[in-house]
């Protein structure tokens, strides 16, 4: 299950949509993985922001690309939780 796999992406790390699809038994299913991430309505619990394009580029996110970048930077220690408030 895609969401179950998302729960196991370590904090501060990313996974490509293609790898996500392969990990759940759907090789070549990057678009299906993206579709499943797009249906995530509990992103605070299921971290779909950790899924990126095959080349590492940031792609769509329900909260917007800027928020996705902020969350990934926060997890990697590149920003602080207070940075958004300034």
PDB file of N, CA and C in Angstrom:
ATOM      1  N   UNK A   1       0.834  -1.178   0.000  1.00  0.00           N
ATOM      2  CA  UNK A   1       0.000   0.000   0.000  1.00  0.00           C
ATOM      3  C   UNK A   1       0.885   1.250   0.000  1.00  0.00           C
ATOM      4  N   UNK A   2       0.563   2.194  -0.841  1.00  0.00           N
ATOM      5  CA  UNK A   2       1.372   3.404  -1.001  1.00  0.00           C
ATOM      6  C   UNK A   2       1.482   4.169   0.315  1.00  0.00           C
ATOM      7  N   UNK A   3       0.385   4.408   0.973  1.00  0.00           N
ATOM      8  CA  UNK A   3       0.437   5.201   2.201  1.00  0.00           C
ATOM      9  C   UNK A   3       1.242   4.503   3.287  1.00  0.00           C
ATOM     10  N   UNK A   4       1.144   3.202   3.360  1.00  0.00           N
ATOM     11  CA  UNK A   4       1.928   2.450   4.344  1.00  0.00           C
ATOM     12  C   UNK A   4       3.417   2.628   4.068  1.00  0.00           C
ATOM     13  N   UNK A   5       3.790   2.592   2.783  1.00  0.00           N
ATOM     14  CA  UNK A   5       5.199   2.787   2.419  1.00  0.00           C
ATOM     15  C   UNK A   5       5.657   4.206   2.764  1.00  0.00           C
ATOM     16  N   UNK A   6       4.788   5.193   2.552  1.00  0.00           N
ATOM     17  CA  UNK A   6       5.132   6.576   2.885  1.00  0.00           C
ATOM     18  C   UNK A   6       5.489   6.718   4.363  1.00  0.00           C
ATOM     19  N   UNK A   7       4.804   5.980   5.200  1.00  0.00           N
ATOM     20  CA  UNK A   7       5.066   6.046   6.639  1.00  0.00           C
ATOM     21  C   UNK A   7       6.466   5.561   7.003  1.00  0.00           C
ATOM     22  N   UNK A   8       7.099   4.834   6.097  1.00  0.00           N
ATOM     23  CA  UNK A   8       8.419   4.269   6.379  1.00  0.00           C
ATOM     24  C   UNK A   8       9.561   5.000   5.682  1.00  0.00           C
ATOM     25  N   UNK A   9       9.280   6.134   5.052  1.00  0.00           N
ATOM     26  CA  UNK A   9      10.365   6.955   4.513  1.00  0.00           C
ATOM     27  C   UNK A   9      10.946   7.709   5.706  1.00  0.00           C
ATOM     28  N   UNK A  10      12.225   7.511   5.990  1.00  0.00           N
ATOM     29  CA  UNK A  10      12.803   8.153   7.176  1.00  0.00           C
ATOM     30  C   UNK A  10      12.735   9.679   7.140  1.00  0.00           C
ATOM     31  N   UNK A  11      12.586  10.258   8.292  1.00  0.00           N
ATOM     32  CA  UNK A  11      12.591  11.705   8.489  1.00  0.00           C
ATOM     33  C   UNK A  11      13.850  12.277   7.841  1.00  0.00           C
ATOM     34  N   UNK A  12      13.693  13.298   7.021  1.00  0.00           N
ATOM     35  CA  UNK A  12      14.828  13.940   6.370  1.00  0.00           C
ATOM     36  C   UNK A  12      15.279  13.292   5.081  1.00  0.00           C
ATOM     37  N   UNK A  13      14.636  12.217   4.669  1.00  0.00           N
ATOM     38  CA  UNK A  13      14.998  11.539   3.430  1.00  0.00           C
ATOM     39  C   UNK A  13      13.848  11.632   2.437  1.00  0.00           C
ATOM     40  N   UNK A  14      14.168  11.362   1.168  1.00  0.00           N
ATOM     41  CA  UNK A  14      13.152  11.393   0.120  1.00  0.00           C
ATOM     42  C   UNK A  14      13.190  10.103  -0.683  1.00  0.00           C
ATOM     43  N   UNK A  15      12.156   9.925  -1.465  1.00  0.00           N
ATOM     44  CA  UNK A  15      11.995   8.762  -2.328  1.00  0.00           C
ATOM     45  C   UNK A  15      11.332   9.260  -3.599  1.00  0.00           C
ATOM     46  N   UNK A  16      11.710   8.700  -4.740  1.00  0.00           N
ATOM     47  CA  UNK A  16      11.065   9.132  -5.989  1.00  0.00           C
ATOM     48  C   UNK A  16       9.710   8.441  -6.143  1.00  0.00           C
ATOM     49  N   UNK A  17       8.860   9.054  -6.951  1.00  0.00           N
ATOM     50  CA  UNK A  17       7.554   8.450  -7.230  1.00  0.00           C
ATOM     51  C   UNK A  17       7.726   7.065  -7.849  1.00  0.00           C
ATOM     52  N   UNK A  18       8.711   6.929  -8.745  1.00  0.00           N
ATOM     53  CA  UNK A  18       8.964   5.639  -9.378  1.00  0.00           C
ATOM     54  C   UNK A  18       9.401   4.584  -8.386  1.00  0.00           C
ATOM     55  N   UNK A  19      10.284   4.961  -7.464  1.00  0.00           N
ATOM     56  CA  UNK A  19      10.732   4.013  -6.446  1.00  0.00           C
ATOM     57  C   UNK A  19       9.589   3.644  -5.511  1.00  0.00           C
ATOM     58  N   UNK A  20       8.771   4.621  -5.177  1.00  0.00           N
ATOM     59  CA  UNK A  20       7.595   4.357  -4.344  1.00  0.00           C
ATOM     60  C   UNK A  20       6.700   3.319  -5.014  1.00  0.00           C
ATOM     61  N   UNK A  21       6.443   3.511  -6.301  1.00  0.00           N
ATOM     62  CA  UNK A  21       5.608   2.564  -7.047  1.00  0.00           C
ATOM     63  C   UNK A  21       6.239   1.174  -7.068  1.00  0.00           C
ATOM     64  N   UNK A  22       7.536   1.109  -7.338  1.00  0.00           N
ATOM     65  CA  UNK A  22       8.228  -0.185  -7.357  1.00  0.00           C
ATOM     66  C   UNK A  22       8.159  -0.871  -6.001  1.00  0.00           C
ATOM     67  N   UNK A  23       8.336  -0.085  -4.949  1.00  0.00           N
ATOM     68  CA  UNK A  23       8.323  -0.647  -3.598  1.00  0.00           C
ATOM     69  C   UNK A  23       6.982  -1.277  -3.227  1.00  0.00           C
ATOM     70  N   UNK A  24       5.908  -0.817  -3.853  1.00  0.00           N
ATOM     71  CA  UNK A  24       4.591  -1.390  -3.555  1.00  0.00           C
ATOM     72  C   UNK A  24       4.126  -2.349  -4.653  1.00  0.00           C
ATOM     73  N   UNK A  25       5.074  -2.795  -5.483  1.00  0.00           N
ATOM     74  CA  UNK A  25       4.759  -3.803  -6.484  1.00  0.00           C
ATOM     75  C   UNK A  25       4.167  -3.290  -7.775  1.00  0.00           C
ATOM     76  N   UNK A  26       4.361  -2.012  -8.081  1.00  0.00           N
ATOM     77  CA  UNK A  26       3.833  -1.421  -9.312  1.00  0.00           C
ATOM     78  C   UNK A  26       4.951  -0.744 -10.104  1.00  0.00           C
ATOM     79  N   UNK A  27       5.963  -1.517 -10.553  1.00  0.00           N
ATOM     80  CA  UNK A  27       7.045  -0.889 -11.314  1.00  0.00           C
ATOM     81  C   UNK A  27       6.493  -0.150 -12.529  1.00  0.00           C
ATOM     82  N   UNK A  28       7.049   1.016 -12.797  1.00  0.00           N
ATOM     83  CA  UNK A  28       6.551   1.834 -13.895  1.00  0.00           C
ATOM     84  C   UNK A  28       5.311   2.621 -13.528  1.00  0.00           C
ATOM     85  N   UNK A  29       4.920   2.584 -12.283  1.00  0.00           N
ATOM     86  CA  UNK A  29       3.686   3.230 -11.850  1.00  0.00           C
ATOM     87  C   UNK A  29       3.883   4.551 -11.129  1.00  0.00           C
ATOM     88  N   UNK A  30       4.853   5.343 -11.559  1.00  0.00           N
ATOM     89  CA  UNK A  30       5.120   6.623 -10.892  1.00  0.00           C
ATOM     90  C   UNK A  30       3.886   7.520 -10.874  1.00  0.00           C
ATOM     91  N   UNK A  31       3.138   7.538 -11.963  1.00  0.00           N
ATOM     92  CA  UNK A  31       1.940   8.393 -12.001  1.00  0.00           C
ATOM     93  C   UNK A  31       0.873   7.915 -11.024  1.00  0.00           C
ATOM     94  N   UNK A  32       0.758   6.605 -10.890  1.00  0.00           N
ATOM     95  CA  UNK A  32      -0.201   6.055  -9.922  1.00  0.00           C
ATOM     96  C   UNK A  32       0.218   6.439  -8.502  1.00  0.00           C
ATOM     97  N   UNK A  33       1.525   6.377  -8.242  1.00  0.00           N
ATOM     98  CA  UNK A  33       2.025   6.776  -6.923  1.00  0.00           C
ATOM     99  C   UNK A  33       1.730   8.253  -6.675  1.00  0.00           C
ATOM    100  N   UNK A  34       1.928   9.079  -7.693  1.00  0.00           N
ATOM    101  CA  UNK A  34       1.619  10.503  -7.574  1.00  0.00           C
ATOM    102  C   UNK A  34       0.141  10.742  -7.320  1.00  0.00           C
ATOM    103  N   UNK A  35      -0.692   9.979  -8.009  1.00  0.00           N
ATOM    104  CA  UNK A  35      -2.141  10.085  -7.816  1.00  0.00           C
ATOM    105  C   UNK A  35      -2.504   9.756  -6.364  1.00  0.00           C
ATOM    106  N   UNK A  36      -1.920   8.673  -5.845  1.00  0.00           N
ATOM    107  CA  UNK A  36      -2.202   8.272  -4.463  1.00  0.00           C
ATOM    108  C   UNK A  36      -1.743   9.347  -3.476  1.00  0.00           C
ATOM    109  N   UNK A  37      -0.569   9.917  -3.721  1.00  0.00           N
ATOM    110  CA  UNK A  37      -0.085  10.994  -2.841  1.00  0.00           C
ATOM    111  C   UNK A  37      -1.024  12.190  -2.897  1.00  0.00           C
ATOM    112  N   UNK A  38      -1.524  12.484  -4.075  1.00  0.00           N
ATOM    113  CA  UNK A  38      -2.436  13.610  -4.237  1.00  0.00           C
ATOM    114  C   UNK A  38      -3.759  13.429  -3.517  1.00  0.00           C
ATOM    115  N   UNK A  39      -4.109  12.201  -3.190  1.00  0.00           N
ATOM    116  CA  UNK A  39      -5.361  11.918  -2.485  1.00  0.00           C
ATOM    117  C   UNK A  39      -5.186  11.915  -0.973  1.00  0.00           C
ATOM    118  N   UNK A  40      -3.970  12.141  -0.512  1.00  0.00           N
ATOM    119  CA  UNK A  40      -3.668  12.133   0.914  1.00  0.00           C
ATOM    120  C   UNK A  40      -4.276  13.362   1.589  1.00  0.00           C
ATOM    121  N   UNK A  41      -5.249  13.164   2.429  1.00  0.00           N
ATOM    122  CA  UNK A  41      -5.892  14.264   3.139  1.00  0.00           C
ATOM    123  C   UNK A  41      -5.402  14.394   4.580  1.00  0.00           C
ATOM    124  N   UNK A  42      -4.464  13.548   4.955  1.00  0.00           N
ATOM    125  CA  UNK A  42      -3.895  13.624   6.302  1.00  0.00           C
ATOM    126  C   UNK A  42      -2.368  13.705   6.205  1.00  0.00           C
ATOM    127  N   UNK A  43      -1.910  14.700   5.456  1.00  0.00           N
ATOM    128  CA  UNK A  43      -0.476  14.851   5.190  1.00  0.00           C
ATOM    129  C   UNK A  43       0.340  15.065   6.460  1.00  0.00           C
ATOM    130  N   UNK A  44      -0.281  15.536   7.510  1.00  0.00           N
ATOM    131  CA  UNK A  44       0.444  15.709   8.761  1.00  0.00           C
ATOM    132  C   UNK A  44       0.849  14.355   9.350  1.00  0.00           C
ATOM    133  N   UNK A  45       0.141  13.304   8.972  1.00  0.00           N
ATOM    134  CA  UNK A  45       0.450  11.955   9.449  1.00  0.00           C
ATOM    135  C   UNK A  45       1.142  11.098   8.398  1.00  0.00           C
ATOM    136  N   UNK A  46       0.771  11.269   7.148  1.00  0.00           N
ATOM    137  CA  UNK A  46       1.348  10.483   6.049  1.00  0.00           C
ATOM    138  C   UNK A  46       2.196  11.442   5.213  1.00  0.00           C
ATOM    139  N   UNK A  47       3.522  11.376   5.357  1.00  0.00           N
ATOM    140  CA  UNK A  47       4.420  12.395   4.816  1.00  0.00           C
ATOM    141  C   UNK A  47       4.677  12.322   3.306  1.00  0.00           C
ATOM    142  N   UNK A  48       3.674  12.666   2.515  1.00  0.00           N
ATOM    143  CA  UNK A  48       3.847  12.623   1.065  1.00  0.00           C
ATOM    144  C   UNK A  48       4.798  13.710   0.562  1.00  0.00           C
ATOM    145  N   UNK A  49       5.137  14.690   1.403  1.00  0.00           N
ATOM    146  CA  UNK A  49       6.108  15.707   0.989  1.00  0.00           C
ATOM    147  C   UNK A  49       7.495  15.106   0.779  1.00  0.00           C
ATOM    148  N   UNK A  50       7.725  13.891   1.244  1.00  0.00           N
ATOM    149  CA  UNK A  50       9.028  13.238   1.090  1.00  0.00           C
ATOM    150  C   UNK A  50       9.189  12.546  -0.258  1.00  0.00           C
ATOM    151  N   UNK A  51       8.190  12.639  -1.112  1.00  0.00           N
ATOM    152  CA  UNK A  51       8.263  12.015  -2.435  1.00  0.00           C
ATOM    153  C   UNK A  51       8.575  13.095  -3.464  1.00  0.00           C
ATOM    154  N   UNK A  52       9.592  12.824  -4.290  1.00  0.00           N
ATOM    155  CA  UNK A  52      10.081  13.795  -5.268  1.00  0.00           C
ATOM    156  C   UNK A  52      10.179  13.144  -6.647  1.00  0.00           C
ATOM    157  N   UNK A  53      10.499  13.945  -7.646  1.00  0.00           N
ATOM    158  CA  UNK A  53      10.703  13.430  -9.003  1.00  0.00           C
ATOM    159  C   UNK A  53      11.957  12.558  -9.039  1.00  0.00           C
ATOM    160  N   UNK A  54      12.100  11.786 -10.097  1.00  0.00           N
ATOM    161  CA  UNK A  54      13.242  10.883 -10.242  1.00  0.00           C
ATOM    162  C   UNK A  54      14.575  11.624 -10.169  1.00  0.00           C
ATOM    163  N   UNK A  55      14.599  12.869 -10.646  1.00  0.00           N
ATOM    164  CA  UNK A  55      15.840  13.653 -10.620  1.00  0.00           C
ATOM    165  C   UNK A  55      16.005  14.451  -9.328  1.00  0.00           C
ATOM    166  N   UNK A  56      15.120  14.232  -8.374  1.00  0.00           N
ATOM    167  CA  UNK A  56      15.192  14.924  -7.093  1.00  0.00           C
ATOM    168  C   UNK A  56      14.454  16.249  -7.050  1.00  0.00           C
ATOM    169  N   UNK A  57      13.886  16.649  -8.192  1.00  0.00           N
ATOM    170  CA  UNK A  57      13.162  17.921  -8.242  1.00  0.00           C
ATOM    171  C   UNK A  57      11.880  17.844  -7.420  1.00  0.00           C
ATOM    172  N   UNK A  58      11.507  18.984  -6.864  1.00  0.00           N
ATOM    173  CA  UNK A  58      10.248  19.052  -6.132  1.00  0.00           C
ATOM    174  C   UNK A  58       9.105  19.116  -7.127  1.00  0.00           C
ATOM    175  N   UNK A  59       8.102  18.317  -6.877  1.00  0.00           N
ATOM    176  CA  UNK A  59       6.924  18.275  -7.739  1.00  0.00           C
ATOM    177  C   UNK A  59       5.711  18.665  -6.910  1.00  0.00           C
ATOM    178  N   UNK A  60       4.547  18.532  -7.477  1.00  0.00           N
ATOM    179  CA  UNK A  60       3.324  18.957  -6.818  1.00  0.00           C
ATOM    180  C   UNK A  60       3.167  18.460  -5.396  1.00  0.00           C
ATOM    181  N   UNK A  61       2.502  19.291  -4.614  1.00  0.00           N
ATOM    182  CA  UNK A  61       2.205  18.973  -3.222  1.00  0.00           C
ATOM    183  C   UNK A  61       0.953  19.749  -2.861  1.00  0.00           C
ATOM    184  N   UNK A  62       0.038  19.123  -2.167  1.00  0.00           N
ATOM    185  CA  UNK A  62      -1.225  19.766  -1.830  1.00  0.00           C
ATOM    186  C   UNK A  62      -1.067  21.091  -1.106  1.00  0.00           C
ATOM    187  N   UNK A  63      -0.006  21.222  -0.338  1.00  0.00           N
ATOM    188  CA  UNK A  63       0.245  22.464   0.384  1.00  0.00           C
ATOM    189  C   UNK A  63       1.075  23.455  -0.402  1.00  0.00           C
ATOM    190  N   UNK A  64       1.423  23.103  -1.645  1.00  0.00           N
ATOM    191  CA  UNK A  64       2.243  23.966  -2.484  1.00  0.00           C
ATOM    192  C   UNK A  64       3.719  23.585  -2.414  1.00  0.00           C
ATOM    193  N   UNK A  65       4.439  23.892  -3.491  1.00  0.00           N
ATOM    194  CA  UNK A  65       5.859  23.531  -3.553  1.00  0.00           C
ATOM    195  C   UNK A  65       6.691  24.252  -2.502  1.00  0.00           C
ATOM    196  N   UNK A  66       6.339  25.490  -2.201  1.00  0.00           N
ATOM    197  CA  UNK A  66       7.102  26.232  -1.190  1.00  0.00           C
ATOM    198  C   UNK A  66       7.004  25.543   0.170  1.00  0.00           C
ATOM    199  N   UNK A  67       5.821  25.071   0.519  1.00  0.00           N
ATOM    200  CA  UNK A  67       5.658  24.368   1.798  1.00  0.00           C
ATOM    201  C   UNK A  67       6.395  23.031   1.772  1.00  0.00           C
ATOM    202  N   UNK A  68       6.364  22.345   0.637  1.00  0.00           N
ATOM    203  CA  UNK A  68       7.088  21.081   0.508  1.00  0.00           C
ATOM    204  C   UNK A  68       8.581  21.326   0.726  1.00  0.00           C
ATOM    205  N   UNK A  69       9.121  22.358   0.084  1.00  0.00           N
ATOM    206  CA  UNK A  69      10.537  22.699   0.240  1.00  0.00           C
ATOM    207  C   UNK A  69      10.847  23.038   1.697  1.00  0.00           C
ATOM    208  N   UNK A  70       9.976  23.809   2.334  1.00  0.00           N
ATOM    209  CA  UNK A  70      10.169  24.181   3.735  1.00  0.00           C
ATOM    210  C   UNK A  70      10.200  22.941   4.631  1.00  0.00           C
ATOM    211  N   UNK A  71       9.253  22.024   4.441  1.00  0.00           N
ATOM    212  CA  UNK A  71       9.202  20.817   5.269  1.00  0.00           C
ATOM    213  C   UNK A  71      10.452  19.963   5.093  1.00  0.00           C
ATOM    214  N   UNK A  72      10.893  19.802   3.843  1.00  0.00           N
ATOM    215  CA  UNK A  72      12.102  19.011   3.596  1.00  0.00           C
ATOM    216  C   UNK A  72      13.327  19.689   4.198  1.00  0.00           C
ATOM    217  N   UNK A  73      13.435  21.011   4.039  1.00  0.00           N
ATOM    218  CA  UNK A  73      14.551  21.748   4.641  1.00  0.00           C
ATOM    219  C   UNK A  73      14.520  21.632   6.158  1.00  0.00           C
ATOM    220  N   UNK A  74      13.342  21.724   6.739  1.00  0.00           N
ATOM    221  CA  UNK A  74      13.192  21.598   8.185  1.00  0.00           C
ATOM    222  C   UNK A  74      13.671  20.226   8.653  1.00  0.00           C
ATOM    223  N   UNK A  75      13.267  19.189   7.955  1.00  0.00           N
ATOM    224  CA  UNK A  75      13.659  17.833   8.332  1.00  0.00           C
ATOM    225  C   UNK A  75      15.157  17.608   8.170  1.00  0.00           C
ATOM    226  N   UNK A  76      15.767  18.272   7.217  1.00  0.00           N
ATOM    227  CA  UNK A  76      17.209  18.120   6.980  1.00  0.00           C
ATOM    228  C   UNK A  76      18.032  19.047   7.863  1.00  0.00           C
ATOM    229  N   UNK A  77      17.361  19.871   8.646  1.00  0.00           N
ATOM    230  CA  UNK A  77      18.067  20.785   9.527  1.00  0.00           C
ATOM    231  C   UNK A  77      18.573  22.037   8.844  1.00  0.00           C
ATOM    232  N   UNK A  78      18.071  22.323   7.641  1.00  0.00           N
ATOM    233  CA  UNK A  78      18.532  23.477   6.875  1.00  0.00           C
ATOM    234  C   UNK A  78      17.786  24.757   7.237  1.00  0.00           C
ATOM    235  N   UNK A  79      16.731  24.643   8.011  1.00  0.00           N
ATOM    236  CA  UNK A  79      15.962  25.806   8.458  1.00  0.00           C
ATOM    237  C   UNK A  79      15.406  25.501   9.837  1.00  0.00           C
ATOM    238  N   UNK A  80      14.837  26.483  10.470  1.00  0.00           N
ATOM    239  CA  UNK A  80      14.244  26.249  11.787  1.00  0.00           C
ATOM    240  C   UNK A  80      12.731  26.347  11.681  1.00  0.00           C
ATOM    241  N   UNK A  81      12.068  25.847  12.669  1.00  0.00           N
ATOM    242  CA  UNK A  81      10.610  25.891  12.688  1.00  0.00           C
ATOM    243  C   UNK A  81      10.119  27.333  12.746  1.00  0.00           C
ATOM    244  N   UNK A  82      10.952  28.243  13.193  1.00  0.00           N
ATOM    245  CA  UNK A  82      10.569  29.647  13.313  1.00  0.00           C
ATOM    246  C   UNK A  82      10.838  30.452  12.052  1.00  0.00           C
ATOM    247  N   UNK A  83      11.506  29.874  11.062  1.00  0.00           N
ATOM    248  CA  UNK A  83      11.855  30.601   9.841  1.00  0.00           C
ATOM    249  C   UNK A  83      10.624  31.104   9.101  1.00  0.00           C
ATOM    250  N   UNK A  84       9.552  30.355   9.114  1.00  0.00           N
ATOM    251  CA  UNK A  84       8.336  30.752   8.399  1.00  0.00           C
ATOM    252  C   UNK A  84       7.669  31.958   9.054  1.00  0.00           C
ATOM    253  N   UNK A  85       7.954  32.199  10.313  1.00  0.00           N
ATOM    254  CA  UNK A  85       7.321  33.297  11.035  1.00  0.00           C
ATOM    255  C   UNK A  85       8.020  34.637  10.800  1.00  0.00           C
ATOM    256  N   UNK A  86       9.212  34.599  10.222  1.00  0.00           N
ATOM    257  CA  UNK A  86       9.951  35.851  10.011  1.00  0.00           C
ATOM    258  C   UNK A  86       9.747  36.412   8.639  1.00  0.00           C
TER     259      UNK A  86
END
